[in-house]
Amino acid sequence: VSPADGERFVDLGSGTGKAVLTAAALHRFSCATG
């Protein structure tokens, strides 16, 4: 989905945080929320 710098990311049902932390580590989201 080619995340752009400054976009926001939301993980619905984020569990132990693996997806939200992976997203936050790989892309320059303005905010990554789980």
PDB file of all heavy atoms in Angstrom:
ATOM      1  N   VAL A   1       0.810  -1.218   0.000  1.00  0.00           N
ATOM      2  CA  VAL A   1       0.000   0.000   0.000  1.00  0.00           C
ATOM      3  C   VAL A   1       0.846   1.271   0.000  1.00  0.00           C
ATOM      4  O   VAL A   1       0.309   2.373   0.089  1.00  0.00           O
ATOM      5  CB  VAL A   1      -1.030   0.010   1.162  1.00  0.00           C
ATOM      6  CG1 VAL A   1      -1.975  -1.174   1.043  1.00  0.00           C
ATOM      7  CG2 VAL A   1      -0.348   0.031   2.518  1.00  0.00           C
ATOM      8  N   SER A   2       2.162   1.136  -0.094  1.00  0.00           N
ATOM      9  CA  SER A   2       3.098   2.267  -0.221  1.00  0.00           C
ATOM     10  C   SER A   2       2.798   3.414   0.745  1.00  0.00           C
ATOM     11  O   SER A   2       2.438   4.520   0.317  1.00  0.00           O
ATOM     12  CB  SER A   2       3.088   2.798  -1.655  1.00  0.00           C
ATOM     13  OG  SER A   2       3.395   1.777  -2.564  1.00  0.00           O
ATOM     14  N   PRO A   3       2.959   3.182   2.052  1.00  0.00           N
ATOM     15  CA  PRO A   3       2.687   4.265   3.004  1.00  0.00           C
ATOM     16  C   PRO A   3       3.551   5.499   2.712  1.00  0.00           C
ATOM     17  O   PRO A   3       4.745   5.378   2.436  1.00  0.00           O
ATOM     18  CB  PRO A   3       3.074   3.666   4.356  1.00  0.00           C
ATOM     19  CG  PRO A   3       2.985   2.186   4.154  1.00  0.00           C
ATOM     20  CD  PRO A   3       3.393   1.959   2.730  1.00  0.00           C
ATOM     21  N   ALA A   4       2.931   6.660   2.757  1.00  0.00           N
ATOM     22  CA  ALA A   4       3.637   7.923   2.523  1.00  0.00           C
ATOM     23  C   ALA A   4       4.062   8.525   3.859  1.00  0.00           C
ATOM     24  O   ALA A   4       3.385   8.340   4.882  1.00  0.00           O
ATOM     25  CB  ALA A   4       2.718   8.896   1.778  1.00  0.00           C
ATOM     26  N   ASP A   5       5.177   9.239   3.840  1.00  0.00           N
ATOM     27  CA  ASP A   5       5.622   9.947   5.039  1.00  0.00           C
ATOM     28  C   ASP A   5       4.494  10.850   5.535  1.00  0.00           C
ATOM     29  O   ASP A   5       3.828  11.519   4.744  1.00  0.00           O
ATOM     30  CB  ASP A   5       6.849  10.805   4.733  1.00  0.00           C
ATOM     31  CG  ASP A   5       8.108   9.986   4.485  1.00  0.00           C
ATOM     32  OD1 ASP A   5       8.063   8.747   4.625  1.00  0.00           O
ATOM     33  OD2 ASP A   5       9.141  10.595   4.158  1.00  0.00           O
ATOM     34  N   GLY A   6       4.262  10.828   6.835  1.00  0.00           N
ATOM     35  CA  GLY A   6       3.262  11.695   7.442  1.00  0.00           C
ATOM     36  C   GLY A   6       1.860  11.116   7.518  1.00  0.00           C
ATOM     37  O   GLY A   6       0.990  11.694   8.159  1.00  0.00           O
ATOM     38  N   GLU A   7       1.631   9.971   6.877  1.00  0.00           N
ATOM     39  CA  GLU A   7       0.310   9.330   7.009  1.00  0.00           C
ATOM     40  C   GLU A   7       0.161   8.762   8.416  1.00  0.00           C
ATOM     41  O   GLU A   7       1.126   8.621   9.157  1.00  0.00           O
ATOM     42  CB  GLU A   7       0.160   8.184   5.998  1.00  0.00           C
ATOM     43  CG  GLU A   7      -0.206   8.632   4.624  1.00  0.00           C
ATOM     44  CD  GLU A   7      -0.649   7.472   3.755  1.00  0.00           C
ATOM     45  OE1 GLU A   7       0.202   6.606   3.449  1.00  0.00           O
ATOM     46  OE2 GLU A   7      -1.828   7.429   3.385  1.00  0.00           O
ATOM     47  N   ARG A   8      -1.056   8.375   8.733  1.00  0.00           N
ATOM     48  CA  ARG A   8      -1.350   7.743  10.022  1.00  0.00           C
ATOM     49  C   ARG A   8      -1.615   6.264   9.791  1.00  0.00           C
ATOM     50  O   ARG A   8      -2.149   5.868   8.760  1.00  0.00           O
ATOM     51  CB  ARG A   8      -2.551   8.414  10.670  1.00  0.00           C
ATOM     52  CG  ARG A   8      -2.291   9.887  10.977  1.00  0.00           C
ATOM     53  CD  ARG A   8      -3.517  10.576  11.525  1.00  0.00           C
ATOM     54  NE  ARG A   8      -3.812  10.174  12.879  1.00  0.00           N
ATOM     55  CZ  ARG A   8      -3.306  10.735  13.974  1.00  0.00           C
ATOM     56  NH1 ARG A   8      -2.494  11.755  13.871  1.00  0.00           N
ATOM     57  NH2 ARG A   8      -3.637  10.317  15.170  1.00  0.00           N
ATOM     58  N   PHE A   9      -1.268   5.448  10.777  1.00  0.00           N
ATOM     59  CA  PHE A   9      -1.479   4.008  10.736  1.00  0.00           C
ATOM     60  C   PHE A   9      -2.299   3.614  11.957  1.00  0.00           C
ATOM     61  O   PHE A   9      -2.040   4.093  13.064  1.00  0.00           O
ATOM     62  CB  PHE A   9      -0.139   3.268  10.764  1.00  0.00           C
ATOM     63  CG  PHE A   9      -0.286   1.777  10.901  1.00  0.00           C
ATOM     64  CD1 PHE A   9      -0.527   0.986   9.791  1.00  0.00           C
ATOM     65  CD2 PHE A   9      -0.207   1.161  12.147  1.00  0.00           C
ATOM     66  CE1 PHE A   9      -0.680  -0.390   9.913  1.00  0.00           C
ATOM     67  CE2 PHE A   9      -0.364  -0.209  12.280  1.00  0.00           C
ATOM     68  CZ  PHE A   9      -0.598  -0.982  11.165  1.00  0.00           C
ATOM     69  N   VAL A  10      -3.278   2.731  11.755  1.00  0.00           N
ATOM     70  CA  VAL A  10      -4.083   2.221  12.868  1.00  0.00           C
ATOM     71  C   VAL A  10      -4.201   0.709  12.745  1.00  0.00           C
ATOM     72  O   VAL A  10      -4.529   0.191  11.676  1.00  0.00           O
ATOM     73  CB  VAL A  10      -5.505   2.842  12.896  1.00  0.00           C
ATOM     74  CG1 VAL A  10      -6.313   2.290  14.066  1.00  0.00           C
ATOM     75  CG2 VAL A  10      -5.446   4.353  12.966  1.00  0.00           C
ATOM     76  N   ASP A  11      -3.926   0.005  13.840  1.00  0.00           N
ATOM     77  CA  ASP A  11      -4.065  -1.448  13.921  1.00  0.00           C
ATOM     78  C   ASP A  11      -5.242  -1.741  14.840  1.00  0.00           C
ATOM     79  O   ASP A  11      -5.206  -1.424  16.032  1.00  0.00           O
ATOM     80  CB  ASP A  11      -2.778  -2.060  14.468  1.00  0.00           C
ATOM     81  CG  ASP A  11      -2.821  -3.576  14.596  1.00  0.00           C
ATOM     82  OD1 ASP A  11      -3.839  -4.195  14.233  1.00  0.00           O
ATOM     83  OD2 ASP A  11      -1.818  -4.136  15.071  1.00  0.00           O
ATOM     84  N   LEU A  12      -6.289  -2.345  14.286  1.00  0.00           N
ATOM     85  CA  LEU A  12      -7.499  -2.670  15.051  1.00  0.00           C
ATOM     86  C   LEU A  12      -7.362  -4.078  15.613  1.00  0.00           C
ATOM     87  O   LEU A  12      -7.322  -5.050  14.875  1.00  0.00           O
ATOM     88  CB  LEU A  12      -8.726  -2.594  14.139  1.00  0.00           C
ATOM     89  CG  LEU A  12      -8.920  -1.274  13.410  1.00  0.00           C
ATOM     90  CD1 LEU A  12     -10.093  -1.365  12.448  1.00  0.00           C
ATOM     91  CD2 LEU A  12      -9.093  -0.141  14.394  1.00  0.00           C
ATOM     92  N   GLY A  13      -7.273  -4.185  16.927  1.00  0.00           N
ATOM     93  CA  GLY A  13      -7.021  -5.472  17.570  1.00  0.00           C
ATOM     94  C   GLY A  13      -5.531  -5.749  17.548  1.00  0.00           C
ATOM     95  O   GLY A  13      -5.068  -6.759  17.023  1.00  0.00           O
ATOM     96  N   SER A  14      -4.766  -4.840  18.125  1.00  0.00           N
ATOM     97  CA  SER A  14      -3.312  -4.844  17.982  1.00  0.00           C
ATOM     98  C   SER A  14      -2.574  -5.880  18.820  1.00  0.00           C
ATOM     99  O   SER A  14      -1.361  -6.026  18.674  1.00  0.00           O
ATOM    100  CB  SER A  14      -2.758  -3.445  18.274  1.00  0.00           C
ATOM    101  OG  SER A  14      -3.182  -2.992  19.544  1.00  0.00           O
ATOM    102  N   GLY A  15      -3.277  -6.592  19.682  1.00  0.00           N
ATOM    103  CA  GLY A  15      -2.640  -7.668  20.442  1.00  0.00           C
ATOM    104  C   GLY A  15      -1.397  -7.211  21.178  1.00  0.00           C
ATOM    105  O   GLY A  15      -1.403  -6.201  21.869  1.00  0.00           O
ATOM    106  N   THR A  16      -0.291  -7.933  20.988  1.00  0.00           N
ATOM    107  CA  THR A  16       0.955  -7.620  21.682  1.00  0.00           C
ATOM    108  C   THR A  16       1.770  -6.546  20.965  1.00  0.00           C
ATOM    109  O   THR A  16       2.904  -6.277  21.346  1.00  0.00           O
ATOM    110  CB  THR A  16       1.820  -8.890  21.867  1.00  0.00           C
ATOM    111  OG1 THR A  16       2.134  -9.420  20.578  1.00  0.00           O
ATOM    112  CG2 THR A  16       1.100  -9.930  22.708  1.00  0.00           C
ATOM    113  N   GLY A  17       1.203  -5.942  19.932  1.00  0.00           N
ATOM    114  CA  GLY A  17       1.820  -4.788  19.294  1.00  0.00           C
ATOM    115  C   GLY A  17       2.746  -5.071  18.123  1.00  0.00           C
ATOM    116  O   GLY A  17       3.376  -4.153  17.601  1.00  0.00           O
ATOM    117  N   LYS A  18       2.830  -6.313  17.678  1.00  0.00           N
ATOM    118  CA  LYS A  18       3.789  -6.638  16.617  1.00  0.00           C
ATOM    119  C   LYS A  18       3.552  -5.837  15.340  1.00  0.00           C
ATOM    120  O   LYS A  18       4.493  -5.312  14.754  1.00  0.00           O
ATOM    121  CB  LYS A  18       3.779  -8.128  16.312  1.00  0.00           C
ATOM    122  CG  LYS A  18       4.463  -8.948  17.379  1.00  0.00           C
ATOM    123  CD  LYS A  18       4.526 -10.402  16.992  1.00  0.00           C
ATOM    124  CE  LYS A  18       5.215 -11.202  18.079  1.00  0.00           C
ATOM    125  NZ  LYS A  18       5.266 -12.625  17.754  1.00  0.00           N
ATOM    126  N   ALA A  19       2.310  -5.738  14.875  1.00  0.00           N
ATOM    127  CA  ALA A  19       2.052  -5.021  13.624  1.00  0.00           C
ATOM    128  C   ALA A  19       2.270  -3.524  13.787  1.00  0.00           C
ATOM    129  O   ALA A  19       2.913  -2.893  12.939  1.00  0.00           O
ATOM    130  CB  ALA A  19       0.638  -5.305  13.112  1.00  0.00           C
ATOM    131  N   VAL A  20       1.772  -2.938  14.846  1.00  0.00           N
ATOM    132  CA  VAL A  20       1.909  -1.485  15.011  1.00  0.00           C
ATOM    133  C   VAL A  20       3.379  -1.104  15.198  1.00  0.00           C
ATOM    134  O   VAL A  20       3.848  -0.100  14.643  1.00  0.00           O
ATOM    135  CB  VAL A  20       1.002  -0.934  16.131  1.00  0.00           C
ATOM    136  CG1 VAL A  20       1.447  -1.352  17.508  1.00  0.00           C
ATOM    137  CG2 VAL A  20       0.899   0.581  16.061  1.00  0.00           C
ATOM    138  N   LEU A  21       4.136  -1.902  15.919  1.00  0.00           N
ATOM    139  CA  LEU A  21       5.550  -1.597  16.107  1.00  0.00           C
ATOM    140  C   LEU A  21       6.352  -1.855  14.838  1.00  0.00           C
ATOM    141  O   LEU A  21       7.295  -1.119  14.527  1.00  0.00           O
ATOM    142  CB  LEU A  21       6.110  -2.377  17.300  1.00  0.00           C
ATOM    143  CG  LEU A  21       5.506  -1.978  18.656  1.00  0.00           C
ATOM    144  CD1 LEU A  21       6.021  -2.872  19.770  1.00  0.00           C
ATOM    145  CD2 LEU A  21       5.751  -0.502  18.967  1.00  0.00           C
ATOM    146  N   THR A  22       5.966  -2.866  14.068  1.00  0.00           N
ATOM    147  CA  THR A  22       6.609  -3.104  12.768  1.00  0.00           C
ATOM    148  C   THR A  22       6.351  -1.926  11.844  1.00  0.00           C
ATOM    149  O   THR A  22       7.268  -1.418  11.190  1.00  0.00           O
ATOM    150  CB  THR A  22       6.097  -4.420  12.143  1.00  0.00           C
ATOM    151  OG1 THR A  22       6.451  -5.512  13.002  1.00  0.00           O
ATOM    152  CG2 THR A  22       6.685  -4.646  10.763  1.00  0.00           C
ATOM    153  N   ALA A  23       5.103  -1.460  11.778  1.00  0.00           N
ATOM    154  CA  ALA A  23       4.753  -0.306  10.943  1.00  0.00           C
ATOM    155  C   ALA A  23       5.545   0.929  11.378  1.00  0.00           C
ATOM    156  O   ALA A  23       6.076   1.661  10.539  1.00  0.00           O
ATOM    157  CB  ALA A  23       3.256  -0.035  11.017  1.00  0.00           C
ATOM    158  N   ALA A  24       5.633   1.150  12.682  1.00  0.00           N
ATOM    159  CA  ALA A  24       6.343   2.317  13.212  1.00  0.00           C
ATOM    160  C   ALA A  24       7.841   2.234  12.955  1.00  0.00           C
ATOM    161  O   ALA A  24       8.505   3.263  12.808  1.00  0.00           O
ATOM    162  CB  ALA A  24       6.070   2.455  14.705  1.00  0.00           C
ATOM    163  N   ALA A  25       8.387   1.031  12.891  1.00  0.00           N
ATOM    164  CA  ALA A  25       9.818   0.861  12.635  1.00  0.00           C
ATOM    165  C   ALA A  25      10.155   1.014  11.154  1.00  0.00           C
ATOM    166  O   ALA A  25      11.260   1.457  10.807  1.00  0.00           O
ATOM    167  CB  ALA A  25      10.277  -0.509  13.140  1.00  0.00           C
ATOM    168  N   LEU A  26       9.221   0.676  10.277  1.00  0.00           N
ATOM    169  CA  LEU A  26       9.510   0.659   8.840  1.00  0.00           C
ATOM    170  C   LEU A  26       9.143   1.945   8.102  1.00  0.00           C
ATOM    171  O   LEU A  26       9.712   2.219   7.044  1.00  0.00           O
ATOM    172  CB  LEU A  26       8.776  -0.511   8.176  1.00  0.00           C
ATOM    173  CG  LEU A  26       9.237  -1.904   8.589  1.00  0.00           C
ATOM    174  CD1 LEU A  26       8.364  -2.955   7.918  1.00  0.00           C
ATOM    175  CD2 LEU A  26      10.704  -2.111   8.255  1.00  0.00           C
ATOM    176  N   HIS A  27       8.172   2.700   8.618  1.00  0.00           N
ATOM    177  CA  HIS A  27       7.654   3.849   7.863  1.00  0.00           C
ATOM    178  C   HIS A  27       7.574   5.098   8.741  1.00  0.00           C
ATOM    179  O   HIS A  27       7.391   5.015   9.949  1.00  0.00           O
ATOM    180  CB  HIS A  27       6.278   3.520   7.282  1.00  0.00           C
ATOM    181  CG  HIS A  27       6.341   2.384   6.314  1.00  0.00           C
ATOM    182  ND1 HIS A  27       6.760   2.537   5.020  1.00  0.00           N
ATOM    183  CD2 HIS A  27       6.070   1.063   6.474  1.00  0.00           C
ATOM    184  CE1 HIS A  27       6.735   1.363   4.408  1.00  0.00           C
ATOM    185  NE2 HIS A  27       6.327   0.452   5.274  1.00  0.00           N
ATOM    186  N   ARG A  28       7.651   6.242   8.093  1.00  0.00           N
ATOM    187  CA  ARG A  28       7.602   7.535   8.788  1.00  0.00           C
ATOM    188  C   ARG A  28       6.148   8.013   8.938  1.00  0.00           C
ATOM    189  O   ARG A  28       5.768   9.060   8.412  1.00  0.00           O
ATOM    190  CB  ARG A  28       8.435   8.568   8.044  1.00  0.00           C
ATOM    191  CG  ARG A  28       9.908   8.252   8.039  1.00  0.00           C
ATOM    192  CD  ARG A  28      10.721   9.383   7.404  1.00  0.00           C
ATOM    193  NE  ARG A  28      12.097   9.016   7.259  1.00  0.00           N
ATOM    194  CZ  ARG A  28      12.991   9.016   8.249  1.00  0.00           C
ATOM    195  NH1 ARG A  28      12.627   9.373   9.452  1.00  0.00           N
ATOM    196  NH2 ARG A  28      14.234   8.658   8.022  1.00  0.00           N
ATOM    197  N   PHE A  29       5.359   7.230   9.646  1.00  0.00           N
ATOM    198  CA  PHE A  29       3.982   7.636   9.932  1.00  0.00           C
ATOM    199  C   PHE A  29       4.016   8.808  10.909  1.00  0.00           C
ATOM    200  O   PHE A  29       4.888   8.869  11.782  1.00  0.00           O
ATOM    201  CB  PHE A  29       3.199   6.479  10.553  1.00  0.00           C
ATOM    202  CG  PHE A  29       2.875   5.373   9.587  1.00  0.00           C
ATOM    203  CD1 PHE A  29       3.527   4.153   9.660  1.00  0.00           C
ATOM    204  CD2 PHE A  29       1.917   5.555   8.608  1.00  0.00           C
ATOM    205  CE1 PHE A  29       3.230   3.132   8.775  1.00  0.00           C
ATOM    206  CE2 PHE A  29       1.607   4.541   7.716  1.00  0.00           C
ATOM    207  CZ  PHE A  29       2.268   3.326   7.796  1.00  0.00           C
ATOM    208  N   SER A  30       3.058   9.719  10.781  1.00  0.00           N
ATOM    209  CA  SER A  30       2.959  10.779  11.787  1.00  0.00           C
ATOM    210  C   SER A  30       2.527  10.178  13.113  1.00  0.00           C
ATOM    211  O   SER A  30       2.931  10.648  14.176  1.00  0.00           O
ATOM    212  CB  SER A  30       1.984  11.870  11.339  1.00  0.00           C
ATOM    213  OG  SER A  30       0.672  11.347  11.222  1.00  0.00           O
ATOM    214  N   CYS A  31       1.723   9.114  13.038  1.00  0.00           N
ATOM    215  CA  CYS A  31       1.288   8.410  14.241  1.00  0.00           C
ATOM    216  C   CYS A  31       0.957   6.969  13.873  1.00  0.00           C
ATOM    217  O   CYS A  31       0.291   6.723  12.866  1.00  0.00           O
ATOM    218  CB  CYS A  31       0.066   9.088  14.858  1.00  0.00           C
ATOM    219  SG  CYS A  31      -0.404   8.374  16.451  1.00  0.00           S
ATOM    220  N   ALA A  32       1.439   6.047  14.668  1.00  0.00           N
ATOM    221  CA  ALA A  32       1.095   4.630  14.531  1.00  0.00           C
ATOM    222  C   ALA A  32       0.349   4.248  15.799  1.00  0.00           C
ATOM    223  O   ALA A  32       0.894   4.337  16.897  1.00  0.00           O
ATOM    224  CB  ALA A  32       2.347   3.777  14.349  1.00  0.00           C
ATOM    225  N   THR A  33      -0.906   3.855  15.650  1.00  0.00           N
ATOM    226  CA  THR A  33      -1.787   3.569  16.787  1.00  0.00           C
ATOM    227  C   THR A  33      -2.212   2.116  16.770  1.00  0.00           C
ATOM    228  O   THR A  33      -2.615   1.594  15.725  1.00  0.00           O
ATOM    229  CB  THR A  33      -3.052   4.451  16.728  1.00  0.00           C
ATOM    230  OG1 THR A  33      -2.655   5.823  16.744  1.00  0.00           O
ATOM    231  CG2 THR A  33      -3.976   4.172  17.905  1.00  0.00           C
ATOM    232  N   GLY A  34      -2.149   1.477  17.927  1.00  0.00           N
ATOM    233  CA  GLY A  34      -2.689   0.140  18.104  1.00  0.00           C
ATOM    234  C   GLY A  34      -3.805   0.203  19.132  1.00  0.00           C
ATOM    235  O   GLY A  34      -3.645   0.844  20.175  1.00  0.00           O
TER     236      GLY A  34
END
